[in-house]
C-alpha cells in the first residue's frame, strides 16, 4: 500500500513547480520539534494519509504570514461547505457540524519571497477552545459519487483560482442564483459581471496582499459566501478540522501552501 503525505498529493495533481525557498527554511526550523507530535495518520477510503500540522497549528502567531479577517460567515444550519465557488464540484457539507451562528473568517497572506502576497491559508474559527486533535475534514462517503472522490476525500478541486466558505443552505441558494443569472443572461459571465467588480474593490486590502484576493459575497439578508484566492491557483487542496477535547470543531483550515511532493511505498 502506498502512503501519501497529504500536502504531497497537492503537488502531484499539478500545483508543484514553485520556488520552495521559504518553505524549506521553515522545514529546517521545525526540525527542532518532535515530528511525531506534529504528524497525523488518517485512513481515508482504505489508504493511509499522513499530514504534518506544524505550519498551521498556530497561524495567529506564525511570523511567515499576515493574518487578516475578511468577514463573518453566517451559518444558519451549521453545515459548512468549502470548495471552488465557480467550479462548484464537491459543494457538500462536512461530516461534522457546528452550532448555527456567525463565525470570523481569516486569510493568511504569505510574507516570504516565494509566496509573498498570496493566500497561504484560510480559516473559520468556531470557538476559542484549544485544539487537541487535527484531522482532515471529510465529507460523508454516502454523499460522494465514486471511488475517486472517496479516495480524495478531505481535498477539493480548484479550477478558477478560488476557494470559499459557506453554510450548506446558503451554498444551495448561491448555486440557484448562478443558474438564474444564466437563464436571464445567456451571454453573460457570472464571474466577470457579478464578482469581479467586488474583488477589484478589495484590490489593496490588506496591503500585504497582491490584490483582489477576497470578497464577502452576500446572498440574502441571512446568508453570505466568503471567497478567497488559492495561493498559486488551480489544483487539489486539503481541508483540516481542529477539534477540542470534547470532540467539537474549533476551526476549519484550508491549505494552499504545502506543495512538496514525495511518495513512500
Protein backbone atom coordinates (compact mmCIF):
# COMPACT_ATOMS: atom_id res chain seq x y z
CA UNK A 1 0.00 0.00 0.00
CA UNK A 2 1.28 3.46 -0.82
CA UNK A 3 1.48 6.05 1.92
CA UNK A 4 0.89 9.66 0.91
CA UNK A 5 1.83 12.63 2.95
CA UNK A 6 -1.17 14.79 2.35
CA UNK A 7 0.50 18.01 1.42
CA UNK A 8 2.25 15.85 -1.10
CA UNK A 9 -0.84 14.89 -3.05
CA UNK A 10 -1.44 18.53 -3.87
CA UNK A 11 1.80 18.82 -5.77
CA UNK A 12 1.13 15.55 -7.57
CA UNK A 13 -2.04 16.95 -9.10
CA UNK A 14 -0.32 19.85 -10.75
CA UNK A 15 0.31 22.61 -8.24
CA UNK A 16 4.02 21.96 -7.83
CA UNK A 17 6.78 23.80 -9.59
CA UNK A 18 7.05 26.86 -7.35
CA UNK A 19 10.17 28.04 -5.58
CA UNK A 20 10.22 26.39 -2.16
CA UNK A 21 12.92 28.52 -0.51
CA UNK A 22 10.87 29.89 2.39
CA UNK A 23 9.13 26.57 2.87
CA UNK A 24 12.46 24.76 3.11
CA UNK A 25 13.68 27.33 5.63
CA UNK A 26 10.59 26.75 7.77
CA UNK A 27 11.06 22.99 7.49
CA UNK A 28 14.57 23.35 8.89
CA UNK A 29 13.29 25.40 11.81
CA UNK A 30 10.57 22.86 12.52
CA UNK A 31 13.10 20.04 12.81
CA UNK A 32 13.65 21.16 16.38
CA UNK A 33 10.13 19.98 17.25
CA UNK A 34 9.22 16.34 17.84
CA UNK A 35 7.87 15.25 14.45
CA UNK A 36 5.61 12.55 15.87
CA UNK A 37 3.82 15.22 17.90
CA UNK A 38 3.10 17.22 14.75
CA UNK A 39 2.05 14.38 12.45
CA UNK A 40 -1.36 12.80 11.96
CA UNK A 41 -2.03 9.45 10.29
CA UNK A 42 -5.55 9.06 8.96
CA UNK A 43 -7.14 6.27 6.93
CA UNK A 44 -9.27 7.54 4.05
CA UNK A 45 -11.07 5.00 1.86
CA UNK A 46 -8.66 2.24 2.83
CA UNK A 47 -5.44 4.23 2.31
CA UNK A 48 -3.25 5.77 4.96
CA UNK A 49 -2.71 9.51 4.64
CA UNK A 50 -0.17 11.45 6.67
CA UNK A 51 -0.02 15.19 7.20
CA UNK A 52 2.03 17.49 9.38
CA UNK A 53 0.27 20.39 11.07
CA UNK A 54 3.36 22.23 12.31
CA UNK A 55 2.89 25.12 9.92
CA UNK A 56 -0.78 25.82 10.63
CA UNK A 57 -1.35 24.76 14.24
CA UNK A 58 -0.84 28.35 15.47
CA UNK A 59 -1.34 30.59 12.46
CA UNK A 60 -2.16 33.63 14.55
CA UNK A 61 1.43 33.70 15.80
CA UNK A 62 3.13 32.37 12.67
CA UNK A 63 5.64 35.02 11.56
CA UNK A 64 5.59 33.89 7.94
CA UNK A 65 2.03 35.11 7.32
CA UNK A 66 -0.03 38.26 7.70
CA UNK A 67 -3.38 37.48 9.34
CA UNK A 68 -6.39 39.44 8.09
CA UNK A 69 -10.08 38.99 8.94
CA UNK A 70 -12.17 39.15 5.77
CA UNK A 71 -15.63 38.82 7.24
CA UNK A 72 -18.04 36.91 9.41
CA UNK A 73 -19.69 33.81 7.96
CA UNK A 74 -23.38 33.28 8.74
CA UNK A 75 -24.18 29.60 9.26
CA UNK A 76 -27.96 29.07 9.60
CA UNK A 77 -27.62 25.26 9.62
CA UNK A 78 -24.09 24.79 10.99
CA UNK A 79 -23.20 22.69 7.92
CA UNK A 80 -20.04 24.04 6.30
CA UNK A 81 -19.09 23.93 2.61
CA UNK A 82 -15.52 24.55 1.45
CA UNK A 83 -14.91 24.41 -2.30
CA UNK A 84 -14.23 26.37 -5.51
CA UNK A 85 -17.21 28.78 -5.81
CA UNK A 86 -17.10 28.83 -9.62
CA UNK A 87 -16.21 25.21 -10.44
CA UNK A 88 -18.64 24.11 -7.70
CA UNK A 89 -17.51 20.48 -7.51
CA UNK A 90 -17.92 18.86 -4.07
CA UNK A 91 -20.17 21.65 -2.83
CA UNK A 92 -21.23 19.39 0.02
CA UNK A 93 -21.28 19.76 3.82
CA UNK A 94 -18.51 18.50 6.05
CA UNK A 95 -19.20 15.34 8.06
CA UNK A 96 -19.28 17.42 11.28
CA UNK A 97 -21.49 20.36 12.21
CA UNK A 98 -21.26 23.41 14.44
CA UNK A 99 -23.84 25.41 16.32
CA UNK A 100 -25.63 27.80 13.92
CA UNK A 101 -24.21 31.28 14.29
CA UNK A 102 -21.78 33.84 12.89
CA UNK A 103 -18.08 32.99 12.78
CA UNK A 104 -14.99 35.01 11.80
CA UNK A 105 -13.03 34.10 8.67
CA UNK A 106 -9.33 34.90 8.31
CA UNK A 107 -6.90 34.65 5.44
CA UNK A 108 -3.13 34.38 5.90
CA UNK A 109 -1.01 36.20 3.32
CA UNK A 110 2.49 34.94 2.65
CA UNK A 111 5.30 37.33 3.64
CA UNK A 112 8.25 35.40 2.20
CA UNK A 113 9.63 35.87 -1.30
CA UNK A 114 8.37 32.65 -2.88
CA UNK A 115 4.79 33.08 -1.63
CA UNK A 116 4.67 36.81 -0.97
CA UNK A 117 1.25 38.41 -1.37
CA UNK A 118 -0.59 35.14 -1.95
CA UNK A 119 -3.18 33.46 0.26
CA UNK A 120 -1.48 30.57 2.05
CA UNK A 121 -4.36 29.57 4.34
CA UNK A 122 -7.97 30.47 5.04
CA UNK A 123 -9.74 29.55 8.26
CA UNK A 124 -13.06 29.77 10.08
CA UNK A 125 -12.89 29.97 13.86
CA UNK A 126 -15.83 28.41 15.70
CA UNK A 127 -14.57 28.74 19.26
CA UNK A 128 -11.57 29.85 21.30
CA UNK A 129 -11.06 26.38 22.78
CA UNK A 130 -7.68 24.72 22.42
CA UNK A 131 -7.29 22.28 19.53
CA UNK A 132 -6.36 18.85 20.88
CA UNK A 133 -6.72 16.89 17.63
CA UNK A 134 -6.27 17.68 13.92
CA UNK A 135 -7.96 15.65 11.21
CA UNK A 136 -8.57 16.00 7.51
CA UNK A 137 -12.07 17.41 7.17
CA UNK A 138 -14.13 14.83 5.30
CA UNK A 139 -17.45 14.71 3.51
CA UNK A 140 -19.67 11.72 4.39
CA UNK A 141 -18.88 8.96 1.89
CA UNK A 142 -22.55 8.37 1.11
CA UNK A 143 -22.64 11.86 -0.47
CA UNK A 144 -19.72 11.14 -2.80
CA UNK A 145 -20.27 9.80 -6.29
CA UNK A 146 -17.40 7.42 -6.99
CA UNK A 147 -14.24 5.81 -5.66
CA UNK A 148 -12.04 8.68 -6.86
CA UNK A 149 -13.99 11.21 -4.80
CA UNK A 150 -13.87 8.88 -1.82
CA UNK A 151 -10.13 8.32 -2.19
CA UNK A 152 -9.52 12.07 -2.44
CA UNK A 153 -11.89 12.84 0.43
CA UNK A 154 -10.59 15.72 2.51
CA UNK A 155 -9.46 17.57 -0.60
CA UNK A 156 -11.29 19.54 -3.27
CA UNK A 157 -10.51 20.62 -6.82
CA UNK A 158 -9.92 24.25 -7.76
CA UNK A 159 -10.28 25.25 -11.41
CA UNK A 160 -10.70 29.01 -11.08
CA UNK A 161 -8.08 30.02 -8.54
CA UNK A 162 -10.73 30.48 -5.84
CA UNK A 163 -11.81 28.78 -2.64
CA UNK A 164 -14.78 29.60 -0.45
CA UNK A 165 -16.58 29.01 2.84
CA UNK A 166 -20.37 28.96 3.15
CA UNK A 167 -23.24 27.37 5.00
CA UNK A 168 -24.78 24.50 3.04
CA UNK A 169 -28.20 26.18 2.85
CA UNK A 170 -26.59 29.38 1.58
CA UNK A 171 -24.47 27.39 -0.87
CA UNK A 172 -27.61 25.96 -2.46
CA UNK A 173 -29.09 29.46 -2.73
CA UNK A 174 -25.85 30.66 -4.32
CA UNK A 175 -25.95 27.86 -6.92
CA UNK A 176 -29.57 28.74 -7.69
CA UNK A 177 -28.55 32.38 -8.15
CA UNK A 178 -25.91 31.39 -10.70
CA UNK A 179 -28.42 29.26 -12.61
CA UNK A 180 -30.95 32.09 -12.57
CA UNK A 181 -28.28 34.51 -13.80
CA UNK A 182 -27.57 32.39 -16.89
CA UNK A 183 -31.27 31.83 -17.57
CA UNK A 184 -31.79 35.59 -17.63
CA UNK A 185 -28.42 36.50 -19.19
CA UNK A 186 -27.34 33.67 -21.54
CA UNK A 187 -24.48 35.73 -22.94
CA UNK A 188 -23.32 36.92 -19.55
CA UNK A 189 -20.45 35.78 -17.35
CA UNK A 190 -21.27 35.47 -13.66
CA UNK A 191 -17.71 35.99 -12.51
CA UNK A 192 -16.95 38.97 -14.75
CA UNK A 193 -20.34 40.61 -14.38
CA UNK A 194 -21.13 39.88 -10.74
CA UNK A 195 -17.99 39.01 -8.78
CA UNK A 196 -15.01 40.69 -10.43
CA UNK A 197 -16.07 44.26 -9.54
CA UNK A 198 -16.27 43.18 -5.89
CA UNK A 199 -12.81 41.63 -5.99
CA UNK A 200 -11.43 44.79 -7.60
CA UNK A 201 -12.90 46.87 -4.77
CA UNK A 202 -10.64 44.94 -2.36
CA UNK A 203 -7.54 45.38 -4.51
CA UNK A 204 -5.41 46.97 -1.80
CA UNK A 205 -6.91 45.23 1.22
CA UNK A 206 -4.79 44.21 3.06
CA UNK A 207 -1.60 45.91 1.94
CA UNK A 208 0.31 42.62 2.24
CA UNK A 209 -1.93 41.05 -0.45
CA UNK A 210 -1.06 41.02 -4.14
CA UNK A 211 -4.59 42.38 -4.59
CA UNK A 212 -8.14 41.26 -5.44
CA UNK A 213 -7.83 38.20 -3.24
CA UNK A 214 -11.13 38.05 -1.36
CA UNK A 215 -14.78 39.08 -1.16
CA UNK A 216 -17.59 38.68 1.35
CA UNK A 217 -20.47 38.00 -1.03
CA UNK A 218 -23.96 38.33 0.41
CA UNK A 219 -26.69 36.08 -1.00
CA UNK A 220 -29.54 37.29 1.20
CA UNK A 221 -30.20 39.10 4.46
CA UNK A 222 -29.26 35.94 6.36
CA UNK A 223 -26.57 34.34 4.23
CA UNK A 224 -23.18 35.01 2.66
CA UNK A 225 -20.36 33.15 0.95
CA UNK A 226 -16.78 34.24 1.58
CA UNK A 227 -14.36 33.71 -1.33
CA UNK A 228 -10.56 33.95 -1.46
CA UNK A 229 -7.64 33.29 -3.76
CA UNK A 230 -5.92 29.89 -3.67
CA UNK A 231 -2.19 30.53 -3.46
CA UNK A 232 -0.71 29.74 -6.87
CA UNK A 233 -4.07 28.86 -8.39
CA UNK A 234 -5.63 25.62 -9.58
CA UNK A 235 -5.08 22.18 -8.07
CA UNK A 236 -6.32 19.85 -5.32
CA UNK A 237 -6.26 21.36 -1.84
CA UNK A 238 -6.83 19.90 1.63
CA UNK A 239 -9.18 20.90 4.43
CA UNK A 240 -8.26 20.34 8.08
CA UNK A 241 -10.56 20.47 11.10
CA UNK A 242 -9.27 21.05 14.61
CA UNK A 243 -11.27 19.51 17.47
CA UNK A 244 -11.27 20.34 21.16
CA UNK A 245 -11.05 17.72 23.91
CA UNK A 246 -14.82 17.21 23.75
CA UNK A 247 -14.84 16.50 20.01
CA UNK A 248 -16.28 19.87 19.00
CA UNK A 249 -14.96 21.61 15.88
CA UNK A 250 -12.81 24.59 16.86
CA UNK A 251 -11.68 25.71 13.41
CA UNK A 252 -11.63 24.71 9.74
CA UNK A 253 -8.48 25.46 7.74
CA UNK A 254 -7.88 25.11 4.02
CA UNK A 255 -4.24 24.98 2.93
CA UNK A 256 -2.71 26.45 -0.24
CA UNK A 257 0.99 26.43 0.56
CA UNK A 258 2.24 22.91 1.44
CA UNK A 259 3.17 21.90 -2.07
CA UNK A 260 6.06 19.43 -1.81
CA UNK A 261 5.69 16.04 -3.50
CA UNK A 262 7.12 12.82 -2.15
CA UNK A 263 5.92 9.22 -2.11
CA UNK A 264 6.77 6.26 0.07
CA UNK A 265 5.89 2.74 -0.99
